């Protein structure tokens, strides 16, 4: 049924509900509470948000259609027809193509050979985690987490260690800034950064 493309035309309210559920599941994996920063959840686990997942699966679905030799002309001409006049699906598909630097006018032509999916997936992931890194760097509430940031996102190596779950949860909360050390709570009393000494 091509359900991969349904998310493109979903209402924003429905996507927000999906995103909340997605984040709550990731928080349960990390064993942290609702106060743990969302950006830290994504960075530590190396997962993307629902919007990026929908884009990846839609592109994968479209490329798989183009690569099926036996059904390719039928599906490609159908796509070309759908995107040839103004409608919600066509607008969403065009915006998606432009977001990954693919010309929509040529992509939906039945003779067009699609690009490599894994390259596009890597670009979407890089773009998402670049935004996450920038939001962490620019957010005072997760200043402590920025001290642990490396060039690469998660999953972090300590997740593979055989730690007791309470110790693992404590380490994650410590990295995420969910503690009452002076470096975090000093901002409540307007203490300058260099003076926040425990």
C-alpha atoms as a PDB file:
ATOM      1  CA  UNK A   1       0.000   0.000   0.000  1.00  0.00           C
ATOM      2  CA  UNK A   2       2.982   2.295   0.088  1.00  0.00           C
ATOM      3  CA  UNK A   3       2.393   3.259   3.730  1.00  0.00           C
ATOM      4  CA  UNK A   4       5.884   4.792   3.845  1.00  0.00           C
ATOM      5  CA  UNK A   5       4.572   7.891   2.083  1.00  0.00           C
ATOM      6  CA  UNK A   6       1.483   8.330   4.262  1.00  0.00           C
ATOM      7  CA  UNK A   7       3.428  10.193   6.926  1.00  0.00           C
ATOM      8  CA  UNK A   8       4.178  13.011   4.494  1.00  0.00           C
ATOM      9  CA  UNK A   9       0.534  14.066   4.427  1.00  0.00           C
ATOM     10  CA  UNK A  10      -0.190  13.421   8.126  1.00  0.00           C
ATOM     11  CA  UNK A  11      -1.482  16.300  10.193  1.00  0.00           C
ATOM     12  CA  UNK A  12       1.050  18.134  12.347  1.00  0.00           C
ATOM     13  CA  UNK A  13      -0.938  17.289  15.464  1.00  0.00           C
ATOM     14  CA  UNK A  14      -0.713  13.566  14.685  1.00  0.00           C
ATOM     15  CA  UNK A  15       3.022  13.852  14.023  1.00  0.00           C
ATOM     16  CA  UNK A  16       3.485  15.601  17.372  1.00  0.00           C
ATOM     17  CA  UNK A  17       1.697  12.720  19.117  1.00  0.00           C
ATOM     18  CA  UNK A  18       3.917  10.215  17.319  1.00  0.00           C
ATOM     19  CA  UNK A  19       6.992  12.237  18.252  1.00  0.00           C
ATOM     20  CA  UNK A  20       6.005  12.330  21.935  1.00  0.00           C
ATOM     21  CA  UNK A  21       5.504   8.563  21.948  1.00  0.00           C
ATOM     22  CA  UNK A  22       8.809   8.068  20.110  1.00  0.00           C
ATOM     23  CA  UNK A  23      10.712  10.184  22.650  1.00  0.00           C
ATOM     24  CA  UNK A  24       9.012   8.477  25.602  1.00  0.00           C
ATOM     25  CA  UNK A  25      10.148   5.075  24.257  1.00  0.00           C
ATOM     26  CA  UNK A  26      13.714   6.345  23.851  1.00  0.00           C
ATOM     27  CA  UNK A  27      13.653   7.725  27.393  1.00  0.00           C
ATOM     28  CA  UNK A  28      12.569   4.315  28.672  1.00  0.00           C
ATOM     29  CA  UNK A  29      15.515   2.737  26.842  1.00  0.00           C
ATOM     30  CA  UNK A  30      17.817   5.246  28.568  1.00  0.00           C
ATOM     31  CA  UNK A  31      15.933   4.756  31.886  1.00  0.00           C
ATOM     32  CA  UNK A  32      15.544   8.500  32.436  1.00  0.00           C
ATOM     33  CA  UNK A  33      12.602  10.664  33.405  1.00  0.00           C
ATOM     34  CA  UNK A  34      10.581  13.239  31.431  1.00  0.00           C
ATOM     35  CA  UNK A  35      12.904  16.026  32.583  1.00  0.00           C
ATOM     36  CA  UNK A  36      15.807  14.594  30.600  1.00  0.00           C
ATOM     37  CA  UNK A  37      16.510  16.858  27.567  1.00  0.00           C
ATOM     38  CA  UNK A  38      15.156  15.593  24.223  1.00  0.00           C
ATOM     39  CA  UNK A  39      18.309  16.693  22.383  1.00  0.00           C
ATOM     40  CA  UNK A  40      20.400  14.619  24.807  1.00  0.00           C
ATOM     41  CA  UNK A  41      18.182  11.586  24.197  1.00  0.00           C
ATOM     42  CA  UNK A  42      18.720  11.746  20.440  1.00  0.00           C
ATOM     43  CA  UNK A  43      22.455  12.454  20.725  1.00  0.00           C
ATOM     44  CA  UNK A  44      23.244   9.732  23.267  1.00  0.00           C
ATOM     45  CA  UNK A  45      21.283   6.988  21.493  1.00  0.00           C
ATOM     46  CA  UNK A  46      21.989   8.058  17.925  1.00  0.00           C
ATOM     47  CA  UNK A  47      18.310   7.907  16.935  1.00  0.00           C
ATOM     48  CA  UNK A  48      16.592  10.440  14.686  1.00  0.00           C
ATOM     49  CA  UNK A  49      13.161  11.987  15.120  1.00  0.00           C
ATOM     50  CA  UNK A  50       9.974  10.737  13.449  1.00  0.00           C
ATOM     51  CA  UNK A  51      10.074  13.415  10.748  1.00  0.00           C
ATOM     52  CA  UNK A  52      13.540  12.311   9.568  1.00  0.00           C
ATOM     53  CA  UNK A  53      12.489   8.637   9.672  1.00  0.00           C
ATOM     54  CA  UNK A  54       9.457   9.376   7.497  1.00  0.00           C
ATOM     55  CA  UNK A  55      11.624  11.223   4.983  1.00  0.00           C
ATOM     56  CA  UNK A  56      14.112   8.348   4.832  1.00  0.00           C
ATOM     57  CA  UNK A  57      11.441   5.697   4.347  1.00  0.00           C
ATOM     58  CA  UNK A  58       9.639   7.746   1.718  1.00  0.00           C
ATOM     59  CA  UNK A  59      12.830   8.243  -0.301  1.00  0.00           C
ATOM     60  CA  UNK A  60      13.640   4.529   0.064  1.00  0.00           C
ATOM     61  CA  UNK A  61      10.148   3.617  -1.164  1.00  0.00           C
ATOM     62  CA  UNK A  62      10.353   5.963  -4.147  1.00  0.00           C
ATOM     63  CA  UNK A  63      13.800   4.701  -5.127  1.00  0.00           C
ATOM     64  CA  UNK A  64      12.668   1.071  -4.811  1.00  0.00           C
ATOM     65  CA  UNK A  65       9.816   1.826  -7.220  1.00  0.00           C
ATOM     66  CA  UNK A  66      12.249   3.302  -9.724  1.00  0.00           C
ATOM     67  CA  UNK A  67      14.522   0.259  -9.445  1.00  0.00           C
ATOM     68  CA  UNK A  68      11.841  -2.405 -10.048  1.00  0.00           C
ATOM     69  CA  UNK A  69      12.385  -3.316 -13.669  1.00  0.00           C
ATOM     70  CA  UNK A  70       9.109  -5.177 -14.236  1.00  0.00           C
ATOM     71  CA  UNK A  71       6.766  -2.609 -12.645  1.00  0.00           C
ATOM     72  CA  UNK A  72       8.930   0.471 -13.061  1.00  0.00           C
ATOM     73  CA  UNK A  73       7.167   2.054 -16.067  1.00  0.00           C
ATOM     74  CA  UNK A  74       3.697   1.730 -14.493  1.00  0.00           C
ATOM     75  CA  UNK A  75       4.668   3.087 -11.068  1.00  0.00           C
ATOM     76  CA  UNK A  76       6.908   5.807 -12.472  1.00  0.00           C
ATOM     77  CA  UNK A  77       4.232   7.078 -14.852  1.00  0.00           C
ATOM     78  CA  UNK A  78       1.712   7.029 -11.976  1.00  0.00           C
ATOM     79  CA  UNK A  79       4.075   9.089  -9.813  1.00  0.00           C
ATOM     80  CA  UNK A  80       4.742  11.434 -12.687  1.00  0.00           C
ATOM     81  CA  UNK A  81       0.994  11.911 -13.158  1.00  0.00           C
ATOM     82  CA  UNK A  82       0.317  12.471  -9.415  1.00  0.00           C
ATOM     83  CA  UNK A  83       3.033  15.106  -9.143  1.00  0.00           C
ATOM     84  CA  UNK A  84       2.039  16.883 -12.339  1.00  0.00           C
ATOM     85  CA  UNK A  85      -0.886  18.795 -10.788  1.00  0.00           C
ATOM     86  CA  UNK A  86      -1.278  20.643  -7.445  1.00  0.00           C
ATOM     87  CA  UNK A  87      -2.250  18.374  -4.537  1.00  0.00           C
ATOM     88  CA  UNK A  88      -1.076  17.648  -1.004  1.00  0.00           C
ATOM     89  CA  UNK A  89       0.929  14.535  -1.884  1.00  0.00           C
ATOM     90  CA  UNK A  90       2.654  16.198  -4.835  1.00  0.00           C
ATOM     91  CA  UNK A  91       3.628  19.234  -2.746  1.00  0.00           C
ATOM     92  CA  UNK A  92       5.014  17.025   0.038  1.00  0.00           C
ATOM     93  CA  UNK A  93       7.012  14.893  -2.419  1.00  0.00           C
ATOM     94  CA  UNK A  94       8.432  17.956  -4.186  1.00  0.00           C
ATOM     95  CA  UNK A  95       9.481  19.527  -0.872  1.00  0.00           C
ATOM     96  CA  UNK A  96      11.099  16.255   0.186  1.00  0.00           C
ATOM     97  CA  UNK A  97      13.075  16.008  -3.060  1.00  0.00           C
ATOM     98  CA  UNK A  98      14.280  19.588  -2.814  1.00  0.00           C
ATOM     99  CA  UNK A  99      15.262  18.965   0.818  1.00  0.00           C
ATOM    100  CA  UNK A 100      17.696  16.248  -0.295  1.00  0.00           C
ATOM    101  CA  UNK A 101      18.877  18.235  -3.338  1.00  0.00           C
ATOM    102  CA  UNK A 102      17.038  16.188  -5.974  1.00  0.00           C
ATOM    103  CA  UNK A 103      15.308  18.015  -8.799  1.00  0.00           C
ATOM    104  CA  UNK A 104      11.628  16.942  -8.522  1.00  0.00           C
ATOM    105  CA  UNK A 105      10.983  17.724 -12.172  1.00  0.00           C
ATOM    106  CA  UNK A 106      13.468  15.061 -13.286  1.00  0.00           C
ATOM    107  CA  UNK A 107      13.070  12.590 -10.391  1.00  0.00           C
ATOM    108  CA  UNK A 108       9.467  11.732 -11.238  1.00  0.00           C
ATOM    109  CA  UNK A 109      10.188  11.272 -14.924  1.00  0.00           C
ATOM    110  CA  UNK A 110       9.963   7.568 -15.767  1.00  0.00           C
ATOM    111  CA  UNK A 111      13.406   7.560 -17.466  1.00  0.00           C
ATOM    112  CA  UNK A 112      15.243   9.071 -14.471  1.00  0.00           C
ATOM    113  CA  UNK A 113      17.771   6.835 -12.688  1.00  0.00           C
ATOM    114  CA  UNK A 114      17.559   7.459  -8.914  1.00  0.00           C
ATOM    115  CA  UNK A 115      20.600   8.227  -6.719  1.00  0.00           C
ATOM    116  CA  UNK A 116      21.996   5.902  -4.060  1.00  0.00           C
ATOM    117  CA  UNK A 117      19.624   5.685  -1.077  1.00  0.00           C
ATOM    118  CA  UNK A 118      22.347   5.250   1.539  1.00  0.00           C
ATOM    119  CA  UNK A 119      23.982   8.508   0.479  1.00  0.00           C
ATOM    120  CA  UNK A 120      20.685  10.342   0.945  1.00  0.00           C
ATOM    121  CA  UNK A 121      20.076   8.602   4.288  1.00  0.00           C
ATOM    122  CA  UNK A 122      23.529   9.662   5.485  1.00  0.00           C
ATOM    123  CA  UNK A 123      22.861  13.269   4.435  1.00  0.00           C
ATOM    124  CA  UNK A 124      19.505  13.341   6.269  1.00  0.00           C
ATOM    125  CA  UNK A 125      21.100  11.891   9.411  1.00  0.00           C
ATOM    126  CA  UNK A 126      24.000  14.350   9.259  1.00  0.00           C
ATOM    127  CA  UNK A 127      21.614  17.274   8.842  1.00  0.00           C
ATOM    128  CA  UNK A 128      19.479  16.145  11.807  1.00  0.00           C
ATOM    129  CA  UNK A 129      22.396  15.581  14.191  1.00  0.00           C
ATOM    130  CA  UNK A 130      24.000  18.870  13.149  1.00  0.00           C
ATOM    131  CA  UNK A 131      20.816  20.632  14.309  1.00  0.00           C
ATOM    132  CA  UNK A 132      20.830  18.628  17.548  1.00  0.00           C
ATOM    133  CA  UNK A 133      24.485  19.512  18.220  1.00  0.00           C
ATOM    134  CA  UNK A 134      23.810  23.205  17.574  1.00  0.00           C
ATOM    135  CA  UNK A 135      20.781  23.160  19.886  1.00  0.00           C
ATOM    136  CA  UNK A 136      22.873  21.559  22.651  1.00  0.00           C
ATOM    137  CA  UNK A 137      25.713  24.063  22.188  1.00  0.00           C
ATOM    138  CA  UNK A 138      23.314  27.006  22.295  1.00  0.00           C
ATOM    139  CA  UNK A 139      21.145  25.827  25.206  1.00  0.00           C
ATOM    140  CA  UNK A 140      22.174  26.899  28.702  1.00  0.00           C
ATOM    141  CA  UNK A 141      20.034  24.156  30.255  1.00  0.00           C
ATOM    142  CA  UNK A 142      22.226  21.432  28.744  1.00  0.00           C
ATOM    143  CA  UNK A 143      25.555  23.214  29.128  1.00  0.00           C
ATOM    144  CA  UNK A 144      26.972  20.300  31.114  1.00  0.00           C
ATOM    145  CA  UNK A 145      26.156  17.862  28.298  1.00  0.00           C
ATOM    146  CA  UNK A 146      28.115  19.993  25.822  1.00  0.00           C
ATOM    147  CA  UNK A 147      31.298  19.142  27.769  1.00  0.00           C
ATOM    148  CA  UNK A 148      30.857  15.500  26.746  1.00  0.00           C
ATOM    149  CA  UNK A 149      30.042  16.142  23.099  1.00  0.00           C
ATOM    150  CA  UNK A 150      32.302  14.571  20.530  1.00  0.00           C
ATOM    151  CA  UNK A 151      32.192  14.823  16.766  1.00  0.00           C
ATOM    152  CA  UNK A 152      30.161  11.606  16.581  1.00  0.00           C
ATOM    153  CA  UNK A 153      26.734  11.024  18.077  1.00  0.00           C
ATOM    154  CA  UNK A 154      25.692   7.846  19.917  1.00  0.00           C
ATOM    155  CA  UNK A 155      25.202   5.146  20.745  1.00  0.00           C
ATOM    156  CA  UNK A 156      27.988   5.848  23.224  1.00  0.00           C
ATOM    157  CA  UNK A 157      30.481   3.056  24.064  1.00  0.00           C
ATOM    158  CA  UNK A 158      29.505   2.794  27.748  1.00  0.00           C
ATOM    159  CA  UNK A 159      26.084   1.448  26.699  1.00  0.00           C
ATOM    160  CA  UNK A 160      27.837  -1.777  25.763  1.00  0.00           C
ATOM    161  CA  UNK A 161      29.419  -2.183  29.217  1.00  0.00           C
ATOM    162  CA  UNK A 162      27.891  -4.698  31.589  1.00  0.00           C
ATOM    163  CA  UNK A 163      26.812  -2.129  34.200  1.00  0.00           C
ATOM    164  CA  UNK A 164      24.095  -2.478  36.794  1.00  0.00           C
ATOM    165  CA  UNK A 165      21.022  -0.566  35.630  1.00  0.00           C
ATOM    166  CA  UNK A 166      21.132   1.859  38.573  1.00  0.00           C
ATOM    167  CA  UNK A 167      24.754   2.770  37.826  1.00  0.00           C
ATOM    168  CA  UNK A 168      24.004   3.142  34.134  1.00  0.00           C
ATOM    169  CA  UNK A 169      21.028   5.388  34.858  1.00  0.00           C
ATOM    170  CA  UNK A 170      23.142   7.523  37.208  1.00  0.00           C
ATOM    171  CA  UNK A 171      25.848   7.971  34.555  1.00  0.00           C
ATOM    172  CA  UNK A 172      23.269   8.964  31.910  1.00  0.00           C
ATOM    173  CA  UNK A 173      21.580  11.455  34.238  1.00  0.00           C
ATOM    174  CA  UNK A 174      25.000  12.887  35.122  1.00  0.00           C
ATOM    175  CA  UNK A 175      25.956  13.373  31.455  1.00  0.00           C
ATOM    176  CA  UNK A 176      22.522  14.801  30.589  1.00  0.00           C
ATOM    177  CA  UNK A 177      22.784  17.442  33.311  1.00  0.00           C
ATOM    178  CA  UNK A 178      19.941  16.019  35.453  1.00  0.00           C
ATOM    179  CA  UNK A 179      21.752  16.643  38.735  1.00  0.00           C
ATOM    180  CA  UNK A 180      22.183  19.444  41.255  1.00  0.00           C
ATOM    181  CA  UNK A 181      25.822  20.225  40.721  1.00  0.00           C
ATOM    182  CA  UNK A 182      26.797  23.886  40.778  1.00  0.00           C
ATOM    183  CA  UNK A 183      27.550  23.935  37.026  1.00  0.00           C
ATOM    184  CA  UNK A 184      23.817  23.407  36.385  1.00  0.00           C
ATOM    185  CA  UNK A 185      22.004  25.062  39.288  1.00  0.00           C
ATOM    186  CA  UNK A 186      24.265  28.127  39.357  1.00  0.00           C
ATOM    187  CA  UNK A 187      22.220  29.707  36.578  1.00  0.00           C
ATOM    188  CA  UNK A 188      19.177  29.726  38.885  1.00  0.00           C
ATOM    189  CA  UNK A 189      21.011  32.258  41.080  1.00  0.00           C
ATOM    190  CA  UNK A 190      22.680  34.088  38.164  1.00  0.00           C
ATOM    191  CA  UNK A 191      26.135  32.827  39.108  1.00  0.00           C
ATOM    192  CA  UNK A 192      28.646  33.367  36.218  1.00  0.00           C
ATOM    193  CA  UNK A 193      29.873  30.197  34.505  1.00  0.00           C
ATOM    194  CA  UNK A 194      33.510  30.298  35.751  1.00  0.00           C
ATOM    195  CA  UNK A 195      32.319  30.843  39.344  1.00  0.00           C
ATOM    196  CA  UNK A 196      30.096  27.736  39.451  1.00  0.00           C
ATOM    197  CA  UNK A 197      32.444  25.634  41.543  1.00  0.00           C
ATOM    198  CA  UNK A 198      31.273  22.725  43.712  1.00  0.00           C
END
